[in-house]
Amino acid sequence: MDIVFLPKEATVIPQVEQKQPKGRARMYLSIPSADYPEGVSAPLTGNCYQESIEVAEMFEKWHTFLHLPEQYALIGVYFDLVYARWMFLIESENIPLPTPGGMLPELVPSYVVSQDATVFPPTRTITLTDLKLIR
């Protein structure tokens, strides 16, 4: 009895485009609670517990509030009770990848705040002028 091996049908494996990994950085914000975006409040001391929730609207509020350019994605929002400040995790192709075992760099924004008192109530304009990366 002869054994006949039939060729397998050729299967085409689609090429998967390799995406360049994006760099990440941390950014801190320490402002009075009266200046938080609408609907945002800091956790109360003594009422804090570890929790993780993903709320898309909250990320959009903070992204708009921080005036981040579109190429910078906000991927984490944390409140540091010890220093009473917010910490944001930012991801972008414009941020270099960290060295293995190294800390994430810090992204430091510079803003210009102007106020128009010719209208009532006075309007305040905030403009992001610079983003510096500190390693």
C-alpha atoms as a PDB file:
ATOM      1  CA  MET A   1       0.000   0.000   0.000  1.00  0.00           C
ATOM      2  CA  ASP A   2       1.390   3.359  -1.051  1.00  0.00           C
ATOM      3  CA  ILE A   3       0.992   6.374   1.215  1.00  0.00           C
ATOM      4  CA  VAL A   4       0.230   9.570  -0.645  1.00  0.00           C
ATOM      5  CA  PHE A   5       0.801  12.943   1.034  1.00  0.00           C
ATOM      6  CA  LEU A   6      -1.426  15.638  -0.277  1.00  0.00           C
ATOM      7  CA  PRO A   7      -0.071  19.205  -0.137  1.00  0.00           C
ATOM      8  CA  LYS A   8      -1.782  21.468   2.358  1.00  0.00           C
ATOM      9  CA  GLU A   9      -3.651  24.342   0.898  1.00  0.00           C
ATOM     10  CA  ALA A  10      -1.574  27.462   1.040  1.00  0.00           C
ATOM     11  CA  THR A  11      -2.853  29.842   3.642  1.00  0.00           C
ATOM     12  CA  VAL A  12      -2.101  33.500   3.436  1.00  0.00           C
ATOM     13  CA  ILE A  13      -1.216  35.031   6.769  1.00  0.00           C
ATOM     14  CA  PRO A  14      -2.001  38.726   6.739  1.00  0.00           C
ATOM     15  CA  GLN A  15       0.849  40.987   7.752  1.00  0.00           C
ATOM     16  CA  VAL A  16       0.136  42.675  11.054  1.00  0.00           C
ATOM     17  CA  GLU A  17       1.398  46.198  11.175  1.00  0.00           C
ATOM     18  CA  GLN A  18       3.763  46.633  14.096  1.00  0.00           C
ATOM     19  CA  LYS A  19       2.893  49.800  15.979  1.00  0.00           C
ATOM     20  CA  GLN A  20       5.683  51.800  17.505  1.00  0.00           C
ATOM     21  CA  PRO A  21       5.293  51.718  21.298  1.00  0.00           C
ATOM     22  CA  LYS A  22       4.376  55.052  22.805  1.00  0.00           C
ATOM     23  CA  GLY A  23       6.291  56.675  25.603  1.00  0.00           C
ATOM     24  CA  ARG A  24       4.682  57.537  28.920  1.00  0.00           C
ATOM     25  CA  ALA A  25       5.243  60.317  31.417  1.00  0.00           C
ATOM     26  CA  ARG A  26       3.730  61.473  34.686  1.00  0.00           C
ATOM     27  CA  MET A  27       2.331  64.942  35.247  1.00  0.00           C
ATOM     28  CA  TYR A  28       1.406  66.513  38.578  1.00  0.00           C
ATOM     29  CA  LEU A  29      -1.217  69.154  39.308  1.00  0.00           C
ATOM     30  CA  SER A  30      -1.619  70.906  42.629  1.00  0.00           C
ATOM     31  CA  ILE A  31      -4.458  73.430  42.567  1.00  0.00           C
ATOM     32  CA  PRO A  32      -7.203  74.529  44.963  1.00  0.00           C
ATOM     33  CA  SER A  33     -10.314  72.351  44.785  1.00  0.00           C
ATOM     34  CA  ALA A  34     -12.370  75.372  43.675  1.00  0.00           C
ATOM     35  CA  ASP A  35     -10.432  75.278  40.386  1.00  0.00           C
ATOM     36  CA  TYR A  36     -11.100  71.589  39.633  1.00  0.00           C
ATOM     37  CA  PRO A  37     -13.140  70.787  36.526  1.00  0.00           C
ATOM     38  CA  GLU A  38     -16.884  70.726  37.118  1.00  0.00           C
ATOM     39  CA  GLY A  39     -17.977  67.457  38.705  1.00  0.00           C
ATOM     40  CA  VAL A  40     -14.503  66.559  39.995  1.00  0.00           C
ATOM     41  CA  SER A  41     -13.654  66.438  43.683  1.00  0.00           C
ATOM     42  CA  ALA A  42     -10.655  65.170  45.606  1.00  0.00           C
ATOM     43  CA  PRO A  43     -11.113  62.180  47.906  1.00  0.00           C
ATOM     44  CA  LEU A  44     -11.759  63.135  51.509  1.00  0.00           C
ATOM     45  CA  THR A  45      -9.057  62.316  54.042  1.00  0.00           C
ATOM     46  CA  GLY A  46     -10.105  59.326  56.106  1.00  0.00           C
ATOM     47  CA  ASN A  47     -12.571  58.167  53.445  1.00  0.00           C
ATOM     48  CA  CYS A  48      -9.975  56.894  51.006  1.00  0.00           C
ATOM     49  CA  TYR A  49      -9.533  53.354  49.871  1.00  0.00           C
ATOM     50  CA  GLN A  50      -7.872  51.769  46.911  1.00  0.00           C
ATOM     51  CA  GLU A  51     -10.225  51.706  44.001  1.00  0.00           C
ATOM     52  CA  SER A  52      -9.945  51.594  40.275  1.00  0.00           C
ATOM     53  CA  ILE A  53     -12.718  52.809  38.033  1.00  0.00           C
ATOM     54  CA  GLU A  54     -12.595  53.767  34.423  1.00  0.00           C
ATOM     55  CA  VAL A  55     -14.809  56.702  33.672  1.00  0.00           C
ATOM     56  CA  ALA A  56     -14.363  57.971  30.126  1.00  0.00           C
ATOM     57  CA  GLU A  57     -16.106  61.264  30.904  1.00  0.00           C
ATOM     58  CA  MET A  58     -13.626  61.974  33.719  1.00  0.00           C
ATOM     59  CA  PHE A  59     -10.677  61.437  31.383  1.00  0.00           C
ATOM     60  CA  GLU A  60     -12.247  63.775  28.812  1.00  0.00           C
ATOM     61  CA  LYS A  61     -12.851  66.444  31.488  1.00  0.00           C
ATOM     62  CA  TRP A  62      -9.252  66.319  32.669  1.00  0.00           C
ATOM     63  CA  HIS A  63      -7.844  66.220  29.108  1.00  0.00           C
ATOM     64  CA  THR A  64      -9.828  69.347  28.230  1.00  0.00           C
ATOM     65  CA  PHE A  65      -9.008  71.013  31.559  1.00  0.00           C
ATOM     66  CA  LEU A  66      -5.267  70.393  31.112  1.00  0.00           C
ATOM     67  CA  HIS A  67      -5.386  71.703  27.510  1.00  0.00           C
ATOM     68  CA  LEU A  68      -3.327  68.740  26.323  1.00  0.00           C
ATOM     69  CA  PRO A  69      -2.654  68.526  22.581  1.00  0.00           C
ATOM     70  CA  GLU A  70      -4.520  65.742  20.756  1.00  0.00           C
ATOM     71  CA  GLN A  71      -1.366  63.608  20.360  1.00  0.00           C
ATOM     72  CA  TYR A  72      -1.117  63.312  24.163  1.00  0.00           C
ATOM     73  CA  ALA A  73      -3.494  60.704  25.606  1.00  0.00           C
ATOM     74  CA  LEU A  74      -4.499  60.731  29.253  1.00  0.00           C
ATOM     75  CA  ILE A  75      -4.434  57.090  30.379  1.00  0.00           C
ATOM     76  CA  GLY A  76      -4.407  57.370  34.185  1.00  0.00           C
ATOM     77  CA  VAL A  77      -5.710  59.763  36.851  1.00  0.00           C
ATOM     78  CA  TYR A  78      -4.633  59.402  40.482  1.00  0.00           C
ATOM     79  CA  PHE A  79      -4.920  61.532  43.606  1.00  0.00           C
ATOM     80  CA  ASP A  80      -1.891  61.633  45.917  1.00  0.00           C
ATOM     81  CA  LEU A  81      -3.214  62.128  49.455  1.00  0.00           C
ATOM     82  CA  VAL A  82       0.188  62.792  51.006  1.00  0.00           C
ATOM     83  CA  TYR A  83       0.877  65.800  48.780  1.00  0.00           C
ATOM     84  CA  ALA A  84      -2.791  66.653  48.060  1.00  0.00           C
ATOM     85  CA  ARG A  85      -2.177  66.729  44.330  1.00  0.00           C
ATOM     86  CA  TRP A  86      -3.345  64.980  41.203  1.00  0.00           C
ATOM     87  CA  MET A  87      -1.035  62.734  39.195  1.00  0.00           C
ATOM     88  CA  PHE A  88      -1.773  62.004  35.551  1.00  0.00           C
ATOM     89  CA  LEU A  89      -0.284  59.314  33.358  1.00  0.00           C
ATOM     90  CA  ILE A  90       0.207  60.642  29.824  1.00  0.00           C
ATOM     91  CA  GLU A  91       1.009  58.589  26.711  1.00  0.00           C
ATOM     92  CA  SER A  92       2.322  59.920  23.394  1.00  0.00           C
ATOM     93  CA  GLU A  93       4.615  59.135  20.486  1.00  0.00           C
ATOM     94  CA  ASN A  94       6.313  62.459  21.323  1.00  0.00           C
ATOM     95  CA  ILE A  95       7.517  61.088  24.669  1.00  0.00           C
ATOM     96  CA  PRO A  96      10.647  58.899  24.455  1.00  0.00           C
ATOM     97  CA  LEU A  97      10.525  55.386  25.863  1.00  0.00           C
ATOM     98  CA  PRO A  98      12.025  55.119  29.366  1.00  0.00           C
ATOM     99  CA  THR A  99      15.222  53.213  29.965  1.00  0.00           C
ATOM    100  CA  PRO A 100      14.639  49.700  31.358  1.00  0.00           C
ATOM    101  CA  GLY A 101      14.331  49.870  35.134  1.00  0.00           C
ATOM    102  CA  GLY A 102      14.104  53.676  35.064  1.00  0.00           C
ATOM    103  CA  MET A 103      11.337  55.923  36.301  1.00  0.00           C
ATOM    104  CA  LEU A 104       8.864  57.538  33.982  1.00  0.00           C
ATOM    105  CA  PRO A 105       9.892  61.074  33.060  1.00  0.00           C
ATOM    106  CA  GLU A 106       7.885  64.025  34.353  1.00  0.00           C
ATOM    107  CA  LEU A 107       5.926  66.209  31.968  1.00  0.00           C
ATOM    108  CA  VAL A 108       5.814  69.832  33.164  1.00  0.00           C
ATOM    109  CA  PRO A 109       3.253  72.104  31.490  1.00  0.00           C
ATOM    110  CA  SER A 110       3.481  75.902  31.301  1.00  0.00           C
ATOM    111  CA  TYR A 111       0.251  77.881  31.126  1.00  0.00           C
ATOM    112  CA  VAL A 112      -0.664  81.522  30.545  1.00  0.00           C
ATOM    113  CA  VAL A 113      -3.820  82.708  32.284  1.00  0.00           C
ATOM    114  CA  SER A 114      -5.519  85.877  31.080  1.00  0.00           C
ATOM    115  CA  GLN A 115      -8.708  87.492  32.278  1.00  0.00           C
ATOM    116  CA  ASP A 116     -11.132  89.680  30.348  1.00  0.00           C
ATOM    117  CA  ALA A 117     -12.790  92.056  32.813  1.00  0.00           C
ATOM    118  CA  THR A 118     -14.621  93.994  30.087  1.00  0.00           C
ATOM    119  CA  VAL A 119     -17.467  91.468  30.178  1.00  0.00           C
ATOM    120  CA  PHE A 120     -19.565  90.352  33.124  1.00  0.00           C
ATOM    121  CA  PRO A 121     -18.888  87.912  34.604  1.00  0.00           C
ATOM    122  CA  PRO A 122     -15.190  88.209  33.789  1.00  0.00           C
ATOM    123  CA  THR A 123     -13.934  85.394  31.559  1.00  0.00           C
ATOM    124  CA  ARG A 124     -10.687  83.605  32.173  1.00  0.00           C
ATOM    125  CA  THR A 125      -8.665  82.095  29.348  1.00  0.00           C
ATOM    126  CA  ILE A 126      -6.036  79.447  29.963  1.00  0.00           C
ATOM    127  CA  THR A 127      -3.534  78.626  27.232  1.00  0.00           C
ATOM    128  CA  LEU A 128      -0.931  75.864  27.257  1.00  0.00           C
ATOM    129  CA  THR A 129       2.333  77.425  26.082  1.00  0.00           C
ATOM    130  CA  ASP A 130       4.894  74.664  26.641  1.00  0.00           C
ATOM    131  CA  LEU A 131       5.351  71.041  27.700  1.00  0.00           C
ATOM    132  CA  LYS A 132       8.800  70.205  29.074  1.00  0.00           C
ATOM    133  CA  LEU A 133      10.003  66.685  29.680  1.00  0.00           C
ATOM    134  CA  ILE A 134      12.194  66.162  32.746  1.00  0.00           C
ATOM    135  CA  ARG A 135      14.075  62.875  32.991  1.00  0.00           C
END
